[in-house]
Amino acid sequence: MAEYLIYAKRTKPWRDKKGKLQQPDKTFRALDAQGCRVTNLDYAFSYATKEDAQERIDKANPSIEGVIFEIRKAK
């Protein structure tokens, strides 16, 4: 059975929890169940079908500007 991961990349500057302005991301990273970028795929949340992953993206806050999402098949 194939598994799918959601990847994301910020394309605009953003502020971290401390209020410091951060530059846009250079690469896509997989997301965990809370929507945070992870560096290790063991921590990424996987979806059974591509439609499940797309549904999760659609349910995300639509006011998120400057974020690009991709759905990729897990290897």
Protein backbone atom coordinates (compact mmCIF):
# COMPACT_ATOMS: atom_id res chain seq x y z
CA MET A 1 0.00 0.00 0.00
CA ALA A 2 1.34 3.42 -0.96
CA GLU A 3 1.75 6.14 1.61
CA TYR A 4 1.77 9.85 0.94
CA LEU A 5 3.43 12.75 2.75
CA ILE A 6 2.64 16.45 2.71
CA TYR A 7 5.58 18.75 2.07
CA ALA A 8 5.57 22.52 2.59
CA LYS A 9 7.72 25.54 1.87
CA ARG A 10 7.32 29.17 3.01
CA THR A 11 7.79 31.68 0.20
CA LYS A 12 7.52 34.90 2.24
CA PRO A 13 9.41 36.14 5.31
CA TRP A 14 7.78 35.06 8.58
CA ARG A 15 8.14 35.66 12.33
CA ASP A 16 9.18 32.91 14.72
CA LYS A 17 7.81 32.43 18.26
CA LYS A 18 10.26 35.01 19.61
CA GLY A 19 9.12 37.59 17.04
CA LYS A 20 12.32 37.47 15.00
CA LEU A 21 11.88 37.87 11.23
CA GLN A 22 12.96 34.74 9.35
CA GLN A 23 13.74 34.37 5.66
CA PRO A 24 11.65 32.18 3.32
CA ASP A 25 12.51 28.49 3.16
CA LYS A 26 14.85 27.28 0.42
CA THR A 27 13.57 23.70 0.34
CA PHE A 28 10.43 21.70 0.87
CA ARG A 29 10.19 19.64 4.08
CA ALA A 30 7.74 16.97 5.17
CA LEU A 31 5.13 17.90 7.79
CA ASP A 32 4.21 16.12 11.00
CA ALA A 33 0.66 15.65 12.32
CA GLN A 34 0.61 19.22 13.72
CA GLY A 35 1.81 20.76 10.45
CA CYS A 36 5.37 21.46 11.59
CA ARG A 37 8.26 20.88 9.22
CA VAL A 38 10.49 17.92 10.14
CA THR A 39 14.00 17.00 9.06
CA ASN A 40 13.63 13.26 9.63
CA LEU A 41 10.98 11.38 7.63
CA ASP A 42 10.43 9.06 10.59
CA TYR A 43 8.62 11.98 12.26
CA ALA A 44 6.51 12.90 9.22
CA PHE A 45 2.81 12.03 9.23
CA SER A 46 1.77 9.75 6.37
CA TYR A 47 -1.61 9.39 4.67
CA ALA A 48 -2.99 6.21 3.12
CA THR A 49 -4.16 7.87 -0.10
CA LYS A 50 -3.38 11.02 -2.01
CA GLU A 51 -7.00 12.11 -1.52
CA ASP A 52 -6.59 11.90 2.28
CA ALA A 53 -3.56 14.16 2.10
CA GLN A 54 -5.36 16.63 -0.17
CA GLU A 55 -8.32 16.69 2.22
CA ARG A 56 -5.96 17.61 5.08
CA ILE A 57 -4.49 20.47 3.04
CA ASP A 58 -7.98 21.70 2.19
CA LYS A 59 -8.95 21.70 5.88
CA ALA A 60 -5.86 23.75 6.80
CA ASN A 61 -6.30 27.41 7.57
CA PRO A 62 -7.05 28.99 4.16
CA SER A 63 -5.62 32.33 5.30
CA ILE A 64 -2.09 30.93 5.24
CA GLU A 65 -0.33 33.11 2.68
CA GLY A 66 3.05 32.39 1.22
CA VAL A 67 3.01 28.63 1.84
CA ILE A 68 3.21 26.09 -0.96
CA PHE A 69 2.10 22.51 -0.31
CA GLU A 70 3.04 19.37 -2.26
CA ILE A 71 1.87 15.79 -1.88
CA ARG A 72 4.59 13.22 -2.51
CA LYS A 73 4.61 9.45 -2.44
CA ALA A 74 6.69 8.04 0.41
CA LYS A 75 9.62 5.88 -0.64
